[in-house]
């Protein structure tokens, strides 16, 4: 096989073999482009399927890939041998077969890939929401804590005032009790007054 026999124009969706244009279906073109993009490398059937079909791999897809490779080889004619099978892996397109390097366009997202992207997006949103909620909650929590501290301090002050008033009342009660006891003691120490004043004479 001559070097540079295969030429691929990705933008124009065209293929030439030895300067002769070859018509290739959309799916087979994507398979060929992916092989050309990884020219000289072994590419798995799973990679080819997910790139070309944009779907999640399943075991029976292996036969689909093999059938499309067979058709592509048939279309390439004299350049068919540039696509070699790699036992236990998949296929390889020989780099020297390409006239120019090929860059594959982005792959069609697979359902699995979309699901992963969605999960990542949701996880990112969850993280953003959690951080934003924390930013909103932190000042509110701090304000509530300060308010609670102020209420506790006010309650403690009121309790101290009540305790002081109680102590003041108790002290006053003790003072009054002491004063009362003194009055009683003074009364006990005073002799009883006589029935008649001294010097007074009583007459029968």
Protein backbone atom coordinates (compact mmCIF):
# COMPACT_ATOMS: atom_id res chain seq x y z
CA UNK A 1 0.00 0.00 0.00
CA UNK A 2 1.39 3.39 -1.02
CA UNK A 3 1.91 6.00 1.67
CA UNK A 4 -0.62 8.82 1.73
CA UNK A 5 -3.12 6.82 -0.32
CA UNK A 6 -6.05 7.77 1.94
CA UNK A 7 -7.24 11.36 2.22
CA UNK A 8 -10.13 12.49 4.44
CA UNK A 9 -11.78 15.91 4.52
CA UNK A 10 -13.78 16.00 7.74
CA UNK A 11 -15.51 19.35 7.09
CA UNK A 12 -16.62 18.35 3.58
CA UNK A 13 -17.47 14.79 4.61
CA UNK A 14 -15.40 13.41 1.73
CA UNK A 15 -12.94 10.53 1.28
CA UNK A 16 -10.42 9.87 -1.50
CA UNK A 17 -8.43 6.72 -2.14
CA UNK A 18 -5.51 7.31 -4.48
CA UNK A 19 -7.15 10.56 -5.60
CA UNK A 20 -10.45 8.87 -6.40
CA UNK A 21 -13.48 10.01 -4.37
CA UNK A 22 -15.31 7.33 -2.42
CA UNK A 23 -18.87 7.66 -1.12
CA UNK A 24 -19.14 6.74 2.56
CA UNK A 25 -22.29 6.76 4.69
CA UNK A 26 -22.49 9.07 7.70
CA UNK A 27 -21.94 6.38 10.35
CA UNK A 28 -19.09 4.69 8.46
CA UNK A 29 -17.50 8.07 7.87
CA UNK A 30 -17.55 8.73 11.63
CA UNK A 31 -15.94 5.34 12.27
CA UNK A 32 -13.25 6.09 9.66
CA UNK A 33 -12.64 9.60 11.02
CA UNK A 34 -12.19 8.28 14.55
CA UNK A 35 -9.71 5.65 13.34
CA UNK A 36 -7.85 8.31 11.35
CA UNK A 37 -7.79 10.70 14.31
CA UNK A 38 -6.08 7.93 16.32
CA UNK A 39 -3.95 6.73 13.39
CA UNK A 40 -1.26 4.32 14.52
CA UNK A 41 -3.14 3.55 17.74
CA UNK A 42 -5.27 0.56 18.65
CA UNK A 43 -8.88 1.67 19.13
CA UNK A 44 -11.46 -0.45 20.93
CA UNK A 45 -14.84 -1.35 19.47
CA UNK A 46 -16.42 0.38 22.45
CA UNK A 47 -14.65 3.65 21.63
CA UNK A 48 -15.72 3.44 18.01
CA UNK A 49 -19.32 2.69 18.89
CA UNK A 50 -19.67 5.43 21.49
CA UNK A 51 -18.09 7.99 19.16
CA UNK A 52 -19.95 7.08 15.99
CA UNK A 53 -23.36 6.22 17.43
CA UNK A 54 -23.33 8.45 20.50
CA UNK A 55 -24.81 5.64 22.55
CA UNK A 56 -23.74 3.57 25.52
CA UNK A 57 -21.85 0.40 24.69
CA UNK A 58 -23.57 -2.97 24.87
CA UNK A 59 -22.06 -6.39 24.03
CA UNK A 60 -23.93 -6.97 20.75
CA UNK A 61 -22.59 -3.63 19.43
CA UNK A 62 -19.30 -5.44 18.76
CA UNK A 63 -20.87 -7.18 15.75
CA UNK A 64 -22.20 -3.84 14.48
CA UNK A 65 -18.70 -2.37 14.51
CA UNK A 66 -17.19 -5.41 12.77
CA UNK A 67 -19.82 -5.19 9.99
CA UNK A 68 -19.14 -1.49 9.41
CA UNK A 69 -15.37 -2.06 9.32
CA UNK A 70 -15.94 -4.78 6.73
CA UNK A 71 -17.97 -2.36 4.57
CA UNK A 72 -15.39 0.40 4.98
CA UNK A 73 -12.59 -1.92 3.86
CA UNK A 74 -14.63 -2.88 0.82
CA UNK A 75 -15.17 0.82 -0.02
CA UNK A 76 -11.49 1.63 0.38
CA UNK A 77 -10.50 -1.02 -2.16
CA UNK A 78 -6.73 -0.90 -2.58
CA UNK A 79 -6.40 0.97 0.74
CA UNK A 80 -8.42 -1.63 2.67
CA UNK A 81 -5.33 -3.12 4.30
CA UNK A 82 -4.61 0.18 6.03
CA UNK A 83 -7.24 -0.84 8.62
CA UNK A 84 -5.74 -3.67 10.65
CA UNK A 85 -7.48 -5.79 13.25
CA UNK A 86 -5.90 -5.81 16.71
CA UNK A 87 -6.66 -9.08 18.45
CA UNK A 88 -8.52 -8.68 21.76
CA UNK A 89 -8.78 -4.89 21.34
CA UNK A 90 -10.30 -3.65 18.11
CA UNK A 91 -8.78 -1.92 15.06
CA UNK A 92 -5.91 0.33 14.01
CA UNK A 93 -5.56 2.58 10.98
CA UNK A 94 -1.96 2.71 9.79
CA UNK A 95 -0.64 6.27 10.09
CA UNK A 96 1.39 6.15 6.86
CA UNK A 97 -1.78 5.52 4.86
CA UNK A 98 -3.05 9.05 5.52
CA UNK A 99 -2.19 11.89 3.17
CA UNK A 100 -2.84 14.42 5.98
CA UNK A 101 -3.49 14.24 9.72
CA UNK A 102 -7.16 14.06 10.68
CA UNK A 103 -8.80 15.72 13.66
CA UNK A 104 -12.08 14.18 14.71
CA UNK A 105 -14.90 16.54 15.66
CA UNK A 106 -16.34 16.23 19.18
CA UNK A 107 -18.17 13.00 19.82
CA UNK A 108 -21.94 12.90 20.09
CA UNK A 109 -22.70 12.68 23.80
CA UNK A 110 -23.85 9.24 24.86
CA UNK A 111 -26.86 8.70 27.10
CA UNK A 112 -24.43 7.50 29.73
CA UNK A 113 -22.28 10.58 29.20
CA UNK A 114 -25.28 12.87 29.40
CA UNK A 115 -26.37 11.16 32.61
CA UNK A 116 -22.89 11.64 34.06
CA UNK A 117 -22.90 15.29 33.00
CA UNK A 118 -26.33 15.76 34.53
CA UNK A 119 -25.21 14.13 37.78
CA UNK A 120 -22.12 16.35 37.86
CA UNK A 121 -24.26 19.43 37.17
CA UNK A 122 -26.74 18.50 39.92
CA UNK A 123 -23.86 17.81 42.31
CA UNK A 124 -22.39 21.19 41.43
CA UNK A 125 -25.74 22.87 42.00
CA UNK A 126 -26.17 21.05 45.29
CA UNK A 127 -22.77 22.29 46.39
CA UNK A 128 -23.57 25.84 45.27
CA UNK A 129 -26.95 25.78 47.02
CA UNK A 130 -25.38 24.39 50.18
CA UNK A 131 -22.68 27.08 50.18
CA UNK A 132 -25.21 29.82 49.46
CA UNK A 133 -27.55 28.52 52.16
CA UNK A 134 -24.62 28.48 54.58
CA UNK A 135 -23.74 32.05 53.64
CA UNK A 136 -27.32 33.12 54.34
CA UNK A 137 -27.68 31.02 57.46
CA UNK A 138 -24.41 32.02 59.14
CA UNK A 139 -25.39 35.68 59.78
CA UNK A 140 -28.88 34.61 60.88
CA UNK A 141 -27.44 32.02 63.26
CA UNK A 142 -24.98 34.57 64.62
CA UNK A 143 -27.76 37.12 65.07
CA UNK A 144 -29.94 34.55 66.81
CA UNK A 145 -27.01 33.58 69.04
CA UNK A 146 -26.40 37.21 69.98
CA UNK A 147 -30.11 37.72 70.67
CA UNK A 148 -30.17 34.58 72.81
CA UNK A 149 -27.08 35.74 74.69
CA UNK A 150 -28.71 39.11 75.30
CA UNK A 151 -31.89 37.45 76.57
CA UNK A 152 -29.87 35.19 78.86
CA UNK A 153 -27.90 38.17 80.15
CA UNK A 154 -31.13 40.11 80.73
CA UNK A 155 -32.64 37.14 82.57
CA UNK A 156 -29.52 36.83 84.68
CA UNK A 157 -29.67 40.53 85.52
CA UNK A 158 -33.35 40.22 86.44
CA UNK A 159 -32.61 37.18 88.57
CA UNK A 160 -29.82 39.07 90.32
CA UNK A 161 -32.22 41.96 90.95
CA UNK A 162 -34.85 39.59 92.35
CA UNK A 163 -32.23 37.93 94.53
CA UNK A 164 -31.03 41.33 95.77
CA UNK A 165 -34.57 42.44 96.54
CA UNK A 166 -35.12 39.20 98.41
CA UNK A 167 -31.94 39.73 100.39
CA UNK A 168 -32.95 43.34 101.11
CA UNK A 169 -36.39 42.20 102.31
CA UNK A 170 -34.81 39.51 104.47
CA UNK A 171 -32.41 42.03 105.98
CA UNK A 172 -35.26 44.43 106.66
CA UNK A 173 -37.27 41.62 108.23
CA UNK A 174 -34.31 40.74 110.45
CA UNK A 175 -33.90 44.37 111.50
CA UNK A 176 -37.56 44.63 112.36
CA UNK A 177 -37.40 41.32 114.26
CA UNK A 178 -34.41 42.52 116.26
CA UNK A 179 -36.19 45.79 117.04
CA UNK A 180 -39.27 43.91 118.15
CA UNK A 181 -37.23 41.61 120.37
CA UNK A 182 -35.56 44.63 121.99
CA UNK A 183 -38.93 46.21 122.69
CA UNK A 184 -40.11 43.00 124.28
CA UNK A 185 -36.95 42.77 126.35
CA UNK A 186 -37.40 46.35 127.60
CA UNK A 187 -40.96 45.63 128.57
CA UNK A 188 -39.93 42.55 130.50
CA UNK A 189 -37.32 44.55 132.43
CA UNK A 190 -39.80 47.28 133.62
CA UNK A 191 -41.39 46.58 137.17
CA UNK A 192 -45.18 46.48 137.50
CA UNK A 193 -46.73 49.81 138.66
CA UNK A 194 -48.32 49.79 142.27
CA UNK A 195 -52.07 49.61 142.58
CA UNK A 196 -52.17 52.95 144.51
CA UNK A 197 -49.78 55.83 144.34
CA UNK A 198 -47.42 56.14 147.34
CA UNK A 199 -48.77 58.23 150.26
CA UNK A 200 -52.33 57.83 149.19
CA UNK A 201 -54.59 56.92 152.09
CA UNK A 202 -57.58 54.87 151.55
CA UNK A 203 -60.66 55.37 153.69
CA UNK A 204 -63.05 52.73 154.73
